[in-house]
Amino acid sequence: MANILVASYYSRWDMNEHKGRIAFYDSSNQLIENRIFKDPSEFQVVISMLRNEKPLWFDTEVHHLRTGSEPVGEGED
């Protein structure tokens, strides 16, 4: 399993086709994953994680996006 730190991302929502695309990049600006989302709510959840959580890791084997370890109840500043 390879867990890669997500350093940046690109996103877009195609208003004609009603689907989104999100690409994750590592710290060397190398593409980690490029994913199409047909479900708007799933697209929104992933965008929310990218905007609000840090650090984020992508597991290339099982295709999970996950946060780093955080204490329970820790709020955002």
PDB file of N, CA and C in Angstrom:
ATOM      1  N   MET A   1       0.847  -1.174   0.000  1.00  0.00           N
ATOM      2  CA  MET A   1       0.000   0.000   0.000  1.00  0.00           C
ATOM      3  C   MET A   1       0.889   1.232   0.000  1.00  0.00           C
ATOM      4  N   ALA A   2       0.582   2.163  -0.887  1.00  0.00           N
ATOM      5  CA  ALA A   2       1.332   3.409  -0.959  1.00  0.00           C
ATOM      6  C   ALA A   2       0.432   4.558  -0.532  1.00  0.00           C
ATOM      7  N   ASN A   3       0.780   5.195   0.560  1.00  0.00           N
ATOM      8  CA  ASN A   3       0.073   6.385   1.014  1.00  0.00           C
ATOM      9  C   ASN A   3       0.881   7.593   0.575  1.00  0.00           C
ATOM     10  N   ILE A   4       0.275   8.426  -0.243  1.00  0.00           N
ATOM     11  CA  ILE A   4       0.955   9.593  -0.795  1.00  0.00           C
ATOM     12  C   ILE A   4       0.269  10.851  -0.281  1.00  0.00           C
ATOM     13  N   LEU A   5       1.070  11.781   0.221  1.00  0.00           N
ATOM     14  CA  LEU A   5       0.543  13.052   0.700  1.00  0.00           C
ATOM     15  C   LEU A   5       0.007  13.862  -0.475  1.00  0.00           C
ATOM     16  N   VAL A   6      -1.241  14.311  -0.367  1.00  0.00           N
ATOM     17  CA  VAL A   6      -1.848  15.148  -1.402  1.00  0.00           C
ATOM     18  C   VAL A   6      -1.434  16.591  -1.127  1.00  0.00           C
ATOM     19  N   ALA A   7      -0.672  17.170  -2.068  1.00  0.00           N
ATOM     20  CA  ALA A   7      -0.156  18.527  -1.887  1.00  0.00           C
ATOM     21  C   ALA A   7      -1.032  19.574  -2.577  1.00  0.00           C
ATOM     22  N   SER A   8      -1.694  19.174  -3.670  1.00  0.00           N
ATOM     23  CA  SER A   8      -2.558  20.111  -4.395  1.00  0.00           C
ATOM     24  C   SER A   8      -3.593  19.320  -5.186  1.00  0.00           C
ATOM     25  N   TYR A   9      -4.566  20.037  -5.722  1.00  0.00           N
ATOM     26  CA  TYR A   9      -5.606  19.383  -6.507  1.00  0.00           C
ATOM     27  C   TYR A   9      -6.152  20.320  -7.564  1.00  0.00           C
ATOM     28  N   TYR A  10      -6.808  19.721  -8.557  1.00  0.00           N
ATOM     29  CA  TYR A  10      -7.516  20.441  -9.605  1.00  0.00           C
ATOM     30  C   TYR A  10      -8.939  19.884  -9.616  1.00  0.00           C
ATOM     31  N   SER A  11      -9.920  20.758  -9.739  1.00  0.00           N
ATOM     32  CA  SER A  11     -11.293  20.271  -9.808  1.00  0.00           C
ATOM     33  C   SER A  11     -12.084  21.068 -10.828  1.00  0.00           C
ATOM     34  N   ARG A  12     -13.114  20.395 -11.359  1.00  0.00           N
ATOM     35  CA  ARG A  12     -14.046  21.088 -12.257  1.00  0.00           C
ATOM     36  C   ARG A  12     -15.369  20.346 -12.247  1.00  0.00           C
ATOM     37  N   TRP A  13     -16.434  21.069 -12.519  1.00  0.00           N
ATOM     38  CA  TRP A  13     -17.765  20.481 -12.648  1.00  0.00           C
ATOM     39  C   TRP A  13     -18.280  20.831 -14.039  1.00  0.00           C
ATOM     40  N   ASP A  14     -18.584  19.828 -14.842  1.00  0.00           N
ATOM     41  CA  ASP A  14     -19.098  20.012 -16.196  1.00  0.00           C
ATOM     42  C   ASP A  14     -20.611  20.227 -16.100  1.00  0.00           C
ATOM     43  N   MET A  15     -21.037  21.445 -16.353  1.00  0.00           N
ATOM     44  CA  MET A  15     -22.449  21.776 -16.187  1.00  0.00           C
ATOM     45  C   MET A  15     -23.312  21.236 -17.321  1.00  0.00           C
ATOM     46  N   ASN A  16     -22.714  20.860 -18.448  1.00  0.00           N
ATOM     47  CA  ASN A  16     -23.476  20.248 -19.538  1.00  0.00           C
ATOM     48  C   ASN A  16     -23.662  18.750 -19.312  1.00  0.00           C
ATOM     49  N   GLU A  17     -22.602  18.084 -18.888  1.00  0.00           N
ATOM     50  CA  GLU A  17     -22.631  16.630 -18.694  1.00  0.00           C
ATOM     51  C   GLU A  17     -23.012  16.227 -17.267  1.00  0.00           C
ATOM     52  N   HIS A  18     -23.047  17.203 -16.354  1.00  0.00           N
ATOM     53  CA  HIS A  18     -23.407  16.966 -14.948  1.00  0.00           C
ATOM     54  C   HIS A  18     -22.489  15.930 -14.295  1.00  0.00           C
ATOM     55  N   LYS A  19     -21.191  16.187 -14.410  1.00  0.00           N
ATOM     56  CA  LYS A  19     -20.198  15.328 -13.758  1.00  0.00           C
ATOM     57  C   LYS A  19     -18.988  16.175 -13.395  1.00  0.00           C
ATOM     58  N   GLY A  20     -18.262  15.702 -12.391  1.00  0.00           N
ATOM     59  CA  GLY A  20     -17.098  16.435 -11.919  1.00  0.00           C
ATOM     60  C   GLY A  20     -15.824  15.638 -12.113  1.00  0.00           C
ATOM     61  N   ARG A  21     -14.708  16.348 -12.056  1.00  0.00           N
ATOM     62  CA  ARG A  21     -13.400  15.717 -12.147  1.00  0.00           C
ATOM     63  C   ARG A  21     -12.508  16.337 -11.076  1.00  0.00           C
ATOM     64  N   ILE A  22     -11.783  15.482 -10.379  1.00  0.00           N
ATOM     65  CA  ILE A  22     -10.809  15.943  -9.396  1.00  0.00           C
ATOM     66  C   ILE A  22      -9.515  15.185  -9.626  1.00  0.00           C
ATOM     67  N   ALA A  23      -8.418  15.921  -9.697  1.00  0.00           N
ATOM     68  CA  ALA A  23      -7.091  15.329  -9.833  1.00  0.00           C
ATOM     69  C   ALA A  23      -6.272  15.694  -8.601  1.00  0.00           C
ATOM     70  N   PHE A  24      -5.597  14.704  -8.024  1.00  0.00           N
ATOM     71  CA  PHE A  24      -4.724  14.905  -6.863  1.00  0.00           C
ATOM     72  C   PHE A  24      -3.275  14.899  -7.332  1.00  0.00           C
ATOM     73  N   TYR A  25      -2.463  15.780  -6.725  1.00  0.00           N
ATOM     74  CA  TYR A  25      -1.045  15.878  -7.074  1.00  0.00           C
ATOM     75  C   TYR A  25      -0.192  15.794  -5.818  1.00  0.00           C
ATOM     76  N   ASP A  26       0.999  15.241  -5.964  1.00  0.00           N
ATOM     77  CA  ASP A  26       1.937  15.172  -4.841  1.00  0.00           C
ATOM     78  C   ASP A  26       2.785  16.445  -4.788  1.00  0.00           C
ATOM     79  N   SER A  27       3.741  16.498  -3.889  1.00  0.00           N
ATOM     80  CA  SER A  27       4.558  17.704  -3.695  1.00  0.00           C
ATOM     81  C   SER A  27       5.481  17.991  -4.876  1.00  0.00           C
ATOM     82  N   SER A  28       5.692  17.010  -5.753  1.00  0.00           N
ATOM     83  CA  SER A  28       6.491  17.221  -6.975  1.00  0.00           C
ATOM     84  C   SER A  28       5.600  17.546  -8.168  1.00  0.00           C
ATOM     85  N   ASN A  29       4.335  17.807  -7.907  1.00  0.00           N
ATOM     86  CA  ASN A  29       3.329  18.103  -8.930  1.00  0.00           C
ATOM     87  C   ASN A  29       3.096  16.926  -9.881  1.00  0.00           C
ATOM     88  N   GLN A  30       3.343  15.714  -9.378  1.00  0.00           N
ATOM     89  CA  GLN A  30       3.068  14.504 -10.141  1.00  0.00           C
ATOM     90  C   GLN A  30       1.635  14.048  -9.848  1.00  0.00           C
ATOM     91  N   LEU A  31       0.940  13.635 -10.895  1.00  0.00           N
ATOM     92  CA  LEU A  31      -0.434  13.184 -10.749  1.00  0.00           C
ATOM     93  C   LEU A  31      -0.490  11.913  -9.911  1.00  0.00           C
ATOM     94  N   ILE A  32      -1.333  11.926  -8.878  1.00  0.00           N
ATOM     95  CA  ILE A  32      -1.565  10.746  -8.043  1.00  0.00           C
ATOM     96  C   ILE A  32      -2.800  10.004  -8.547  1.00  0.00           C
ATOM     97  N   GLU A  33      -3.890  10.735  -8.753  1.00  0.00           N
ATOM     98  CA  GLU A  33      -5.173  10.146  -9.147  1.00  0.00           C
ATOM     99  C   GLU A  33      -5.983  11.184  -9.901  1.00  0.00           C
ATOM    100  N   ASN A  34      -6.705  10.742 -10.909  1.00  0.00           N
ATOM    101  CA  ASN A  34      -7.576  11.604 -11.697  1.00  0.00           C
ATOM    102  C   ASN A  34      -8.921  10.898 -11.771  1.00  0.00           C
ATOM    103  N   ARG A  35      -9.924  11.451 -11.108  1.00  0.00           N
ATOM    104  CA  ARG A  35     -11.184  10.726 -10.910  1.00  0.00           C
ATOM    105  C   ARG A  35     -12.364  11.533 -11.429  1.00  0.00           C
ATOM    106  N   ILE A  36     -13.322  10.854 -12.073  1.00  0.00           N
ATOM    107  CA  ILE A  36     -14.587  11.453 -12.508  1.00  0.00           C
ATOM    108  C   ILE A  36     -15.661  11.077 -11.489  1.00  0.00           C
ATOM    109  N   PHE A  37     -16.488  12.053 -11.135  1.00  0.00           N
ATOM    110  CA  PHE A  37     -17.581  11.858 -10.181  1.00  0.00           C
ATOM    111  C   PHE A  37     -18.902  12.149 -10.884  1.00  0.00           C
ATOM    112  N   LYS A  38     -19.801  11.177 -10.883  1.00  0.00           N
ATOM    113  CA  LYS A  38     -21.122  11.365 -11.484  1.00  0.00           C
ATOM    114  C   LYS A  38     -22.160  11.752 -10.440  1.00  0.00           C
ATOM    115  N   ASP A  39     -21.831  11.555  -9.180  1.00  0.00           N
ATOM    116  CA  ASP A  39     -22.732  11.886  -8.078  1.00  0.00           C
ATOM    117  C   ASP A  39     -22.296  13.234  -7.479  1.00  0.00           C
ATOM    118  N   PRO A  40     -23.122  14.279  -7.615  1.00  0.00           N
ATOM    119  CA  PRO A  40     -22.738  15.596  -7.105  1.00  0.00           C
ATOM    120  C   PRO A  40     -22.424  15.609  -5.615  1.00  0.00           C
ATOM    121  N   SER A  41     -23.132  14.820  -4.817  1.00  0.00           N
ATOM    122  CA  SER A  41     -22.879  14.834  -3.375  1.00  0.00           C
ATOM    123  C   SER A  41     -21.522  14.183  -3.050  1.00  0.00           C
ATOM    124  N   GLU A  42     -21.135  13.149  -3.774  1.00  0.00           N
ATOM    125  CA  GLU A  42     -19.816  12.550  -3.564  1.00  0.00           C
ATOM    126  C   GLU A  42     -18.713  13.535  -3.957  1.00  0.00           C
ATOM    127  N   PHE A  43     -18.907  14.221  -5.073  1.00  0.00           N
ATOM    128  CA  PHE A  43     -17.966  15.262  -5.509  1.00  0.00           C
ATOM    129  C   PHE A  43     -17.814  16.314  -4.412  1.00  0.00           C
ATOM    130  N   GLN A  44     -18.924  16.739  -3.834  1.00  0.00           N
ATOM    131  CA  GLN A  44     -18.918  17.770  -2.798  1.00  0.00           C
ATOM    132  C   GLN A  44     -18.190  17.305  -1.533  1.00  0.00           C
ATOM    133  N   VAL A  45     -18.367  16.054  -1.156  1.00  0.00           N
ATOM    134  CA  VAL A  45     -17.690  15.511   0.027  1.00  0.00           C
ATOM    135  C   VAL A  45     -16.170  15.535  -0.169  1.00  0.00           C
ATOM    136  N   VAL A  46     -15.709  15.100  -1.335  1.00  0.00           N
ATOM    137  CA  VAL A  46     -14.264  15.074  -1.599  1.00  0.00           C
ATOM    138  C   VAL A  46     -13.703  16.495  -1.633  1.00  0.00           C
ATOM    139  N   ILE A  47     -14.399  17.417  -2.284  1.00  0.00           N
ATOM    140  CA  ILE A  47     -13.956  18.813  -2.315  1.00  0.00           C
ATOM    141  C   ILE A  47     -13.899  19.385  -0.899  1.00  0.00           C
ATOM    142  N   SER A  48     -14.868  19.058  -0.067  1.00  0.00           N
ATOM    143  CA  SER A  48     -14.867  19.530   1.315  1.00  0.00           C
ATOM    144  C   SER A  48     -13.641  19.019   2.069  1.00  0.00           C
ATOM    145  N   MET A  49     -13.313  17.750   1.893  1.00  0.00           N
ATOM    146  CA  MET A  49     -12.111  17.205   2.542  1.00  0.00           C
ATOM    147  C   MET A  49     -10.867  17.949   2.062  1.00  0.00           C
ATOM    148  N   LEU A  50     -10.768  18.192   0.754  1.00  0.00           N
ATOM    149  CA  LEU A  50      -9.597  18.871   0.198  1.00  0.00           C
ATOM    150  C   LEU A  50      -9.474  20.305   0.721  1.00  0.00           C
ATOM    151  N   ARG A  51     -10.588  20.961   0.917  1.00  0.00           N
ATOM    152  CA  ARG A  51     -10.579  22.349   1.394  1.00  0.00           C
ATOM    153  C   ARG A  51     -10.326  22.466   2.896  1.00  0.00           C
ATOM    154  N   ASN A  52     -10.842  21.497   3.670  1.00  0.00           N
ATOM    155  CA  ASN A  52     -10.890  21.679   5.113  1.00  0.00           C
ATOM    156  C   ASN A  52      -9.968  20.799   5.940  1.00  0.00           C
ATOM    157  N   GLU A  53      -9.422  19.767   5.375  1.00  0.00           N
ATOM    158  CA  GLU A  53      -8.590  18.844   6.148  1.00  0.00           C
ATOM    159  C   GLU A  53      -7.127  18.937   5.719  1.00  0.00           C
ATOM    160  N   LYS A  54      -6.249  18.768   6.692  1.00  0.00           N
ATOM    161  CA  LYS A  54      -4.822  18.777   6.413  1.00  0.00           C
ATOM    162  C   LYS A  54      -4.113  18.041   7.530  1.00  0.00           C
ATOM    163  N   PRO A  55      -3.260  17.119   7.249  1.00  0.00           N
ATOM    164  CA  PRO A  55      -2.870  16.648   5.915  1.00  0.00           C
ATOM    165  C   PRO A  55      -3.879  15.632   5.373  1.00  0.00           C
ATOM    166  N   LEU A  56      -3.842  15.449   4.053  1.00  0.00           N
ATOM    167  CA  LEU A  56      -4.645  14.428   3.383  1.00  0.00           C
ATOM    168  C   LEU A  56      -3.710  13.463   2.671  1.00  0.00           C
ATOM    169  N   TRP A  57      -4.051  12.197   2.767  1.00  0.00           N
ATOM    170  CA  TRP A  57      -3.263  11.138   2.146  1.00  0.00           C
ATOM    171  C   TRP A  57      -4.140  10.366   1.185  1.00  0.00           C
ATOM    172  N   PHE A  58      -3.549   9.877   0.091  1.00  0.00           N
ATOM    173  CA  PHE A  58      -4.272   9.023  -0.842  1.00  0.00           C
ATOM    174  C   PHE A  58      -3.590   7.665  -0.875  1.00  0.00           C
ATOM    175  N   ASP A  59      -4.372   6.621  -0.628  1.00  0.00           N
ATOM    176  CA  ASP A  59      -3.873   5.253  -0.666  1.00  0.00           C
ATOM    177  C   ASP A  59      -4.070   4.731  -2.086  1.00  0.00           C
ATOM    178  N   THR A  60      -2.979   4.519  -2.813  1.00  0.00           N
ATOM    179  CA  THR A  60      -3.060   4.139  -4.220  1.00  0.00           C
ATOM    180  C   THR A  60      -3.521   2.701  -4.435  1.00  0.00           C
ATOM    181  N   GLU A  61      -3.467   1.886  -3.411  1.00  0.00           N
ATOM    182  CA  GLU A  61      -3.891   0.494  -3.558  1.00  0.00           C
ATOM    183  C   GLU A  61      -5.407   0.337  -3.456  1.00  0.00           C
ATOM    184  N   VAL A  62      -6.004   0.947  -2.439  1.00  0.00           N
ATOM    185  CA  VAL A  62      -7.445   0.804  -2.213  1.00  0.00           C
ATOM    186  C   VAL A  62      -8.242   2.052  -2.605  1.00  0.00           C
ATOM    187  N   HIS A  63      -7.538   3.087  -3.063  1.00  0.00           N
ATOM    188  CA  HIS A  63      -8.158   4.337  -3.541  1.00  0.00           C
ATOM    189  C   HIS A  63      -8.978   5.029  -2.461  1.00  0.00           C
ATOM    190  N   HIS A  64      -8.372   5.164  -1.280  1.00  0.00           N
ATOM    191  CA  HIS A  64      -8.987   5.900  -0.174  1.00  0.00           C
ATOM    192  C   HIS A  64      -8.311   7.249  -0.024  1.00  0.00           C
ATOM    193  N   LEU A  65      -9.104   8.265   0.206  1.00  0.00           N
ATOM    194  CA  LEU A  65      -8.603   9.579   0.604  1.00  0.00           C
ATOM    195  C   LEU A  65      -8.835   9.669   2.101  1.00  0.00           C
ATOM    196  N   ARG A  66      -7.779   9.969   2.859  1.00  0.00           N
ATOM    197  CA  ARG A  66      -7.926   9.971   4.312  1.00  0.00           C
ATOM    198  C   ARG A  66      -7.182  11.145   4.922  1.00  0.00           C
ATOM    199  N   THR A  67      -7.607  11.497   6.123  1.00  0.00           N
ATOM    200  CA  THR A  67      -6.934  12.552   6.878  1.00  0.00           C
ATOM    201  C   THR A  67      -5.764  11.949   7.636  1.00  0.00           C
ATOM    202  N   GLY A  68      -4.917  12.822   8.149  1.00  0.00           N
ATOM    203  CA  GLY A  68      -3.888  12.383   9.074  1.00  0.00           C
ATOM    204  C   GLY A  68      -4.523  12.171  10.434  1.00  0.00           C
ATOM    205  N   SER A  69      -3.754  11.706  11.363  1.00  0.00           N
ATOM    206  CA  SER A  69      -4.281  11.493  12.722  1.00  0.00           C
ATOM    207  C   SER A  69      -4.576  12.831  13.378  1.00  0.00           C
ATOM    208  N   GLU A  70      -5.766  12.929  13.952  1.00  0.00           N
ATOM    209  CA  GLU A  70      -6.178  14.151  14.648  1.00  0.00           C
ATOM    210  C   GLU A  70      -6.782  13.754  15.979  1.00  0.00           C
ATOM    211  N   PRO A  71      -6.573  14.573  17.000  1.00  0.00           N
ATOM    212  CA  PRO A  71      -7.225  14.306  18.284  1.00  0.00           C
ATOM    213  C   PRO A  71      -8.738  14.450  18.159  1.00  0.00           C
ATOM    214  N   VAL A  72      -9.488  13.665  18.926  1.00  0.00           N
ATOM    215  CA  VAL A  72     -10.941  13.750  18.931  1.00  0.00           C
ATOM    216  C   VAL A  72     -11.363  15.140  19.404  1.00  0.00           C
ATOM    217  N   GLY A  73     -12.344  15.711  18.716  1.00  0.00           N
ATOM    218  CA  GLY A  73     -12.893  16.992  19.117  1.00  0.00           C
ATOM    219  C   GLY A  73     -12.061  18.207  18.728  1.00  0.00           C
ATOM    220  N   GLU A  74     -10.992  17.988  17.970  1.00  0.00           N
ATOM    221  CA  GLU A  74     -10.164  19.118  17.552  1.00  0.00           C
ATOM    222  C   GLU A  74     -10.911  19.917  16.492  1.00  0.00           C
ATOM    223  N   GLY A  75     -11.129  21.187  16.759  1.00  0.00           N
ATOM    224  CA  GLY A  75     -11.806  22.055  15.793  1.00  0.00           C
ATOM    225  C   GLY A  75     -10.799  22.727  14.881  1.00  0.00           C
ATOM    226  N   GLU A  76     -11.307  23.283  13.816  1.00  0.00           N
ATOM    227  CA  GLU A  76     -10.454  24.029  12.882  1.00  0.00           C
ATOM    228  C   GLU A  76     -10.291  25.452  13.418  1.00  0.00           C
ATOM    229  N   ASP A  77      -9.132  26.031  13.213  1.00  0.00           N
ATOM    230  CA  ASP A  77      -8.887  27.412  13.637  1.00  0.00           C
ATOM    231  C   ASP A  77      -9.404  28.398  12.626  1.00  0.00           C
TER     232      ASP A  77
END
